[in-house]
Protein backbone atom coordinates (compact mmCIF):
# COMPACT_ATOMS: atom_id res chain seq x y z
CA MET A 1 -21.07 -62.56 -11.35
CA THR A 2 -23.43 -61.84 -14.19
CA PRO A 3 -21.98 -61.00 -17.61
CA VAL A 4 -23.32 -57.77 -19.12
CA LYS A 5 -23.14 -56.22 -22.60
CA LYS A 6 -19.85 -54.41 -23.28
CA GLU A 7 -21.65 -51.02 -24.22
CA THR A 8 -23.80 -51.19 -21.09
CA ALA A 9 -20.87 -51.85 -18.87
CA ILE A 10 -18.77 -49.04 -20.39
CA ARG A 11 -21.57 -46.61 -19.84
CA GLN A 12 -21.91 -47.56 -16.16
CA VAL A 13 -18.16 -47.64 -15.54
CA GLU A 14 -17.70 -44.20 -17.01
CA ALA A 15 -20.61 -42.96 -14.98
CA LYS A 16 -18.42 -43.84 -11.97
CA GLY A 17 -15.48 -41.80 -13.26
CA THR A 18 -13.30 -44.32 -15.08
CA LYS A 19 -12.83 -43.84 -18.81
CA ILE A 20 -12.48 -46.95 -21.06
CA ARG A 21 -11.04 -46.59 -24.55
CA LEU A 22 -13.09 -48.58 -27.03
CA ASN A 23 -10.04 -49.86 -28.80
CA GLN A 24 -8.96 -51.74 -25.66
CA ARG A 25 -9.51 -55.50 -25.95
CA LEU A 26 -12.17 -56.18 -23.22
CA VAL A 27 -11.80 -59.77 -22.21
CA SER A 28 -14.75 -59.73 -19.81
CA LEU A 29 -17.09 -57.44 -17.98
CA PHE A 30 -19.12 -58.56 -14.88
CA LEU A 31 -21.89 -56.98 -12.91
CA THR A 32 -21.87 -58.02 -9.28
CA PRO A 33 -24.84 -57.11 -7.02
CA ASN A 34 -24.11 -55.83 -3.52
CA SER A 35 -25.76 -53.98 -0.75
CA SER A 36 -24.95 -50.52 -2.21
CA GLY A 37 -25.94 -51.46 -5.78
CA ALA A 38 -24.37 -53.10 -8.72
CA LYS A 39 -20.58 -53.25 -8.83
CA ILE A 40 -18.82 -53.54 -12.28
CA THR A 41 -15.60 -55.47 -12.60
CA VAL A 42 -13.69 -54.81 -15.80
CA TYR A 43 -10.99 -57.08 -17.07
CA VAL A 44 -8.71 -55.81 -19.92
CA ASP A 45 -6.18 -58.26 -21.32
CA ARG A 46 -6.85 -60.35 -18.21
CA HIS A 47 -5.94 -57.50 -15.95
CA GLU A 48 -8.58 -55.95 -13.58
CA ILE A 49 -9.24 -52.31 -13.98
CA PRO A 50 -10.02 -50.44 -10.69
CA VAL A 51 -13.27 -48.48 -11.01
CA THR A 52 -13.15 -45.29 -8.87
CA ASN A 53 -16.34 -43.68 -7.81
CA ARG A 54 -16.47 -39.96 -8.52
CA ARG A 55 -17.46 -39.27 -4.86
CA GLU A 56 -14.34 -41.09 -3.76
CA ALA A 57 -12.23 -39.19 -6.19
CA ARG A 58 -13.55 -35.86 -4.88
CA ALA A 59 -12.69 -36.88 -1.31
CA ARG A 60 -8.96 -37.19 -2.19
CA MET A 61 -7.33 -33.82 -1.41
CA ASN A 62 -4.85 -31.88 -3.53
CA VAL A 63 -3.08 -29.73 -0.94
CA ILE A 64 -0.41 -27.14 -1.72
CA VAL A 65 1.99 -25.93 0.99
CA CYS A 66 4.05 -22.72 0.61
CA LEU A 67 7.38 -22.73 2.41
CA LYS A 68 10.38 -20.37 2.83
CA GLN A 69 14.11 -20.88 3.30
CA VAL A 70 15.19 -18.63 6.20
CA ILE A 71 18.21 -18.06 8.34
CA ASP A 72 18.10 -20.36 11.37
CA PRO A 73 16.20 -18.58 14.15
CA GLU A 74 17.80 -20.93 16.73
CA ALA A 75 21.35 -19.72 15.74
CA PRO A 76 23.50 -17.92 18.34
CA LEU A 77 22.98 -14.14 18.35
CA ALA A 78 26.69 -13.57 17.76
CA SER A 79 26.44 -15.31 14.37
CA PHE A 80 24.05 -12.74 13.01
CA LYS A 81 25.49 -10.04 10.85
CA ILE A 82 23.57 -7.16 9.25
CA ASP A 83 24.81 -5.21 6.25
CA THR A 84 23.43 -1.70 6.85
CA ASP A 85 24.23 -0.68 3.34
CA THR A 86 21.96 -3.37 1.77
CA ASN A 87 19.61 -3.85 4.72
CA LYS A 88 20.36 -7.62 4.60
CA ALA A 89 20.92 -10.09 7.43
CA ALA A 90 23.11 -13.11 7.20
CA LEU A 91 24.51 -15.92 9.40
CA GLN A 92 28.07 -16.84 9.49
CA GLY A 93 28.78 -20.55 9.62
CA VAL A 94 25.15 -21.61 10.10
CA PRO A 95 23.16 -23.15 7.25
CA PRO A 96 19.64 -21.96 6.50
CA VAL A 97 16.55 -23.90 7.37
CA ILE A 98 12.93 -24.21 6.38
CA ASP A 99 10.81 -21.76 8.28
CA PRO A 100 9.57 -23.55 11.40
CA TYR A 101 6.00 -22.47 10.86
CA GLY A 102 6.21 -23.80 7.31
CA GLU A 103 7.04 -27.18 8.74
CA TYR A 104 3.81 -27.06 10.82
CA ALA A 105 1.97 -26.25 7.53
CA VAL A 106 3.54 -29.47 5.97
CA GLU A 107 2.50 -31.49 9.05
CA ALA A 108 -1.11 -30.24 8.69
CA ALA A 109 -1.04 -31.10 5.02
CA LEU A 110 0.22 -34.63 5.73
CA GLN A 111 -2.42 -35.07 8.45
CA ILE A 112 -5.17 -34.39 5.80
CA LYS A 113 -3.44 -36.78 3.35
CA ASP A 114 -3.36 -39.42 5.97
CA ALA A 115 -7.12 -38.98 6.60
CA LYS A 116 -8.36 -38.50 3.02
CA GLY A 117 -5.55 -39.55 0.69
CA GLY A 118 -4.48 -37.36 -2.17
CA LYS A 119 -1.34 -35.41 -3.00
CA VAL A 120 0.78 -32.76 -1.14
CA THR A 121 2.79 -30.30 -3.25
CA ALA A 122 5.44 -28.07 -1.55
CA ILE A 123 6.37 -24.75 -3.17
CA SER A 124 9.23 -22.48 -2.24
CA LEU A 125 10.55 -19.22 -3.70
CA GLY A 126 13.91 -17.56 -3.70
CA ASP A 127 17.49 -17.59 -5.05
CA ASN A 128 20.24 -20.11 -4.24
CA LEU A 129 17.85 -22.54 -2.59
CA LEU A 130 19.74 -25.41 -0.98
CA ARG A 131 18.37 -28.71 -2.24
CA GLU A 132 19.08 -30.59 0.94
CA VAL A 133 17.16 -28.01 2.99
CA MET A 134 14.26 -27.84 0.55
CA ARG A 135 13.89 -31.64 0.25
CA LYS A 136 12.67 -31.86 3.88
CA PRO A 137 8.96 -31.85 2.92
CA LEU A 138 9.65 -34.72 0.64
CA LYS A 139 11.36 -36.62 3.44
CA MET A 140 8.39 -35.95 5.73
CA GLY A 141 6.01 -37.36 3.05
CA ALA A 142 5.08 -34.73 0.53
CA ASP A 143 4.70 -35.88 -3.03
CA GLU A 144 6.21 -33.08 -5.15
CA LEU A 145 8.52 -30.10 -4.75
CA ILE A 146 8.34 -27.00 -6.92
CA LEU A 147 11.12 -24.44 -6.55
CA LEU A 148 10.72 -20.85 -7.93
CA GLU A 149 14.38 -20.16 -8.22
CA ASP A 150 15.83 -17.14 -9.98
CA THR A 151 17.66 -13.95 -9.14
CA ALA A 152 14.49 -12.21 -10.08
CA PHE A 153 12.70 -13.70 -7.13
CA ALA A 154 15.29 -12.42 -4.62
CA ASP A 155 14.62 -9.71 -1.94
CA GLY A 156 10.85 -9.51 -2.52
CA ASP A 157 8.29 -8.23 -0.06
CA SER A 158 5.07 -9.93 0.99
CA TRP A 159 3.22 -8.65 -2.10
CA SER A 160 5.77 -9.77 -4.74
CA THR A 161 6.13 -13.15 -2.99
CA ALA A 162 2.38 -13.71 -2.67
CA TYR A 163 1.89 -12.78 -6.38
CA ALA A 164 4.53 -15.20 -7.58
CA LEU A 165 3.18 -18.07 -5.41
CA ALA A 166 -0.36 -17.28 -6.56
CA MET A 167 0.57 -17.41 -10.25
CA THR A 168 2.39 -20.78 -9.58
CA ILE A 169 -0.78 -22.19 -7.89
CA LYS A 170 -2.80 -20.97 -10.78
CA LYS A 171 -0.52 -22.81 -13.15
CA ILE A 172 -0.77 -26.00 -11.08
CA GLY A 173 -4.53 -25.65 -11.48
CA GLU A 174 -5.82 -28.52 -9.43
CA TYR A 175 -5.96 -27.83 -5.79
CA ASP A 176 -8.38 -28.05 -2.85
CA LEU A 177 -6.48 -26.40 -0.07
CA ILE A 178 -3.51 -24.04 0.20
CA LEU A 179 -1.54 -23.98 3.47
CA CYS A 180 1.11 -21.57 4.66
CA GLY A 181 2.85 -20.99 7.98
CA ARG A 182 1.24 -18.29 10.11
CA GLU A 183 4.37 -16.13 9.64
CA ALA A 184 8.03 -16.52 8.60
CA SER A 185 10.69 -16.36 11.36
CA ASP A 186 12.77 -13.82 9.50
CA THR A 187 10.14 -11.05 9.04
CA ASN A 188 7.23 -12.21 11.17
CA ALA A 189 4.99 -10.26 8.85
CA GLY A 190 2.27 -12.92 8.38
CA GLN A 191 0.95 -11.45 5.19
CA VAL A 192 1.79 -13.86 2.33
CA GLY A 193 -1.02 -16.37 3.02
CA SER A 194 -3.65 -13.73 2.97
CA GLY A 195 -2.05 -12.13 -0.01
CA ILE A 196 -2.38 -15.36 -2.00
CA ALA A 197 -6.02 -15.71 -1.02
CA GLU A 198 -6.69 -12.10 -2.18
CA ILE A 199 -4.95 -12.57 -5.50
CA LEU A 200 -6.69 -15.85 -6.29
CA GLY A 201 -10.10 -14.56 -4.97
CA LEU A 202 -10.31 -17.34 -2.32
CA PRO A 203 -11.49 -17.30 1.28
CA SER A 204 -8.86 -17.46 3.97
CA VAL A 205 -8.47 -18.44 7.61
CA THR A 206 -5.46 -17.48 9.72
CA LEU A 207 -3.87 -19.09 12.83
CA ALA A 208 -5.25 -22.61 12.40
CA LYS A 209 -4.68 -24.98 15.17
CA LYS A 210 -6.85 -27.82 13.72
CA ILE A 211 -8.19 -28.50 10.25
CA GLU A 212 -10.87 -31.08 9.34
CA ILE A 213 -12.21 -31.72 5.82
CA LEU A 214 -15.88 -32.47 5.75
CA ASP A 215 -18.25 -32.61 2.70
CA GLY A 216 -16.34 -30.10 0.56
CA LYS A 217 -15.70 -27.70 3.54
CA ALA A 218 -12.86 -27.10 5.91
CA ARG A 219 -13.75 -26.93 9.57
CA VAL A 220 -10.92 -24.90 11.25
CA GLU A 221 -10.23 -24.11 14.85
CA ARG A 222 -8.28 -20.91 14.86
CA VAL A 223 -6.27 -19.48 17.71
CA THR A 224 -7.59 -16.36 19.45
CA MET A 225 -6.23 -14.24 22.38
CA ASP A 226 -8.46 -16.10 24.87
CA GLY A 227 -8.85 -19.57 23.30
CA PHE A 228 -10.00 -20.61 19.82
CA GLU A 229 -12.97 -20.24 17.51
CA ALA A 230 -14.44 -22.68 15.09
CA ILE A 231 -15.01 -21.63 11.45
CA GLU A 232 -16.37 -23.56 8.45
CA VAL A 233 -15.18 -22.38 5.00
CA PRO A 234 -15.85 -23.84 1.60
CA LEU A 235 -13.04 -25.38 -0.56
CA PRO A 236 -10.81 -24.34 -2.11
CA THR A 237 -9.38 -21.98 0.54
CA VAL A 238 -6.13 -20.63 2.04
CA ILE A 239 -5.26 -21.45 5.66
CA THR A 240 -2.24 -20.27 7.63
CA VAL A 241 -1.23 -22.73 10.29
CA SER A 242 0.02 -22.24 13.81
CA ASN A 243 2.24 -24.44 15.92
CA GLU A 244 -0.74 -25.79 17.94
CA VAL A 245 -1.57 -28.05 15.01
CA GLY A 246 1.00 -30.62 16.21
CA GLU A 247 4.76 -31.21 16.10
CA PRO A 248 6.11 -31.83 12.59
CA ARG A 249 6.83 -35.48 12.02
CA TYR A 250 10.34 -36.78 11.71
CA PRO A 251 11.44 -38.02 8.34
CA THR A 252 11.55 -41.77 8.04
CA ILE A 253 14.31 -43.82 6.47
CA LYS A 254 11.95 -44.65 3.63
CA GLY A 255 11.06 -40.94 3.29
CA ILE A 256 14.72 -39.93 3.04
CA ILE A 257 15.49 -42.65 0.40
CA THR A 258 12.42 -41.58 -1.60
CA ALA A 259 13.23 -37.92 -1.36
CA LYS A 260 16.72 -38.48 -2.79
CA LYS A 261 15.24 -40.01 -5.91
CA LYS A 262 12.82 -37.07 -6.51
CA GLU A 263 14.20 -34.09 -8.38
CA PRO A 264 12.37 -30.81 -7.70
CA ILE A 265 10.66 -28.97 -10.43
CA VAL A 266 12.38 -25.66 -11.10
CA TRP A 267 10.40 -22.75 -12.55
CA LYS A 268 11.56 -19.31 -13.62
CA PRO A 269 9.38 -16.19 -13.88
CA VAL A 270 8.56 -16.87 -17.52
CA ASP A 271 7.30 -20.36 -16.58
CA ILE A 272 4.51 -18.96 -14.34
CA GLY A 273 3.72 -15.97 -16.60
CA VAL A 274 5.28 -13.34 -14.35
CA GLU A 275 7.33 -10.49 -15.58
CA PRO A 276 10.67 -9.87 -13.82
CA SER A 277 9.48 -6.46 -12.94
CA GLN A 278 6.63 -7.99 -10.95
CA SER A 279 8.96 -10.33 -9.02
CA GLY A 280 11.29 -9.96 -6.13
CA ALA A 281 12.80 -6.61 -5.25
CA ALA A 282 11.50 -5.01 -8.50
CA GLY A 283 7.86 -5.91 -7.76
CA GLN A 284 7.88 -5.02 -4.05
CA ARG A 285 5.41 -2.37 -2.83
CA ALA A 286 6.95 -1.82 0.54
CA GLU A 287 10.24 -0.25 1.20
CA MET A 288 12.51 -1.24 4.07
CA LEU A 289 14.03 1.89 5.52
CA LYS A 290 16.40 0.31 7.96
CA LEU A 291 17.32 -3.10 9.29
CA PHE A 292 19.29 -3.04 12.59
CA GLN A 293 19.90 -4.96 15.74
CA PRO A 294 18.60 -2.95 18.73
CA VAL A 295 21.15 -1.87 21.31
CA HIS A 296 20.10 -2.34 24.95
CA GLU A 297 21.99 -0.29 27.51
CA ASP A 298 21.79 -1.20 31.17
CA LYS A 299 22.40 1.48 33.84
CA CYS A 300 22.23 0.86 37.51
CA ASP A 301 22.24 3.61 40.26
CA ILE A 302 23.08 2.58 43.81
CA LEU A 303 21.15 4.64 46.36
CA GLU A 304 22.89 4.80 49.79
CA ALA A 305 20.83 5.34 52.91
CA ASP A 306 21.03 4.70 56.64
CA THR A 307 17.51 3.45 57.07
CA PRO A 308 14.90 1.74 54.82
CA GLU A 309 12.65 4.81 55.09
CA GLU A 310 15.42 7.11 53.82
CA ALA A 311 16.06 4.68 50.95
CA ALA A 312 12.40 4.67 50.07
CA VAL A 313 12.35 8.49 49.98
CA LYS A 314 15.42 8.63 47.81
CA LEU A 315 14.01 5.91 45.44
CA ALA A 316 10.69 7.82 45.09
CA LEU A 317 12.55 10.96 44.21
CA LYS A 318 14.70 9.13 41.73
CA LEU A 319 11.68 7.61 39.98
CA ARG A 320 9.96 11.00 39.89
CA GLU A 321 13.03 12.55 38.41
CA ALA A 322 13.09 9.87 35.70
CA LYS A 323 9.36 10.58 35.24
CA ILE A 324 8.36 7.01 35.97
CA LEU A 325 6.24 8.20 38.90
């Protein structure tokens, strides 16, 4: 290794993206030739400082995943109860879960983190969010959990939910990719992801089955009625994820232990610059007229006949009477 002047080394190190304070005691700086050019090794107080190339830093992805706490879609039908006065559904004796499509979005984010490195931040919105339920992304491998938790966030529609999430993402500031499930299992609206993109002025792709990050772009294979289509979109962007992306990974013992040590960040409307009148039920733009469980009535008529021909004639007449034929 060849010693170099301190000022020269500092300029070259900082050109690679690492800042060095001049008041640090620089014990030694060395310039090592290699096949890709000169490599600088910096020692401060006998400890080596890693020098990160800016291109490598850009390759690391900051991914945000939006999740929702929902009533368990796998619960027995008998446990569902609907309050017709408030148009709300509830489960008796069955705890809520993270929306299944949201788990696929977490899996897609972790696949990208495995390939590129970086950080995965999970966000959820609501009131009375159960910590054990909402920690699942952390158990799977996410790095941070932000909960928008307040009575003002309750009972919102797709618009008020998308607006609060978009303002939260804007507050976070640094992000390359925003992932959502293709739809939530309680409403199946599939509007929040596209709403976030519209509010933030970002491109969006829906129904993704595969996501690859290449040179500042996302190459997305999205599900269509007769197969899939491949799309390239610049980053940052919003992508909604379908179940074809791959089964969500099981939390590991290490992930469960790590998740217990991490406290979620809790923000109120004031923390994200949102007025209560823009949140939840107060900020909704759609009105639910009626929520109900459909009633299916089965009726069976027995046609008696002496021969198959007579039965066929009676059946045809019955179908014509019912205006089916």
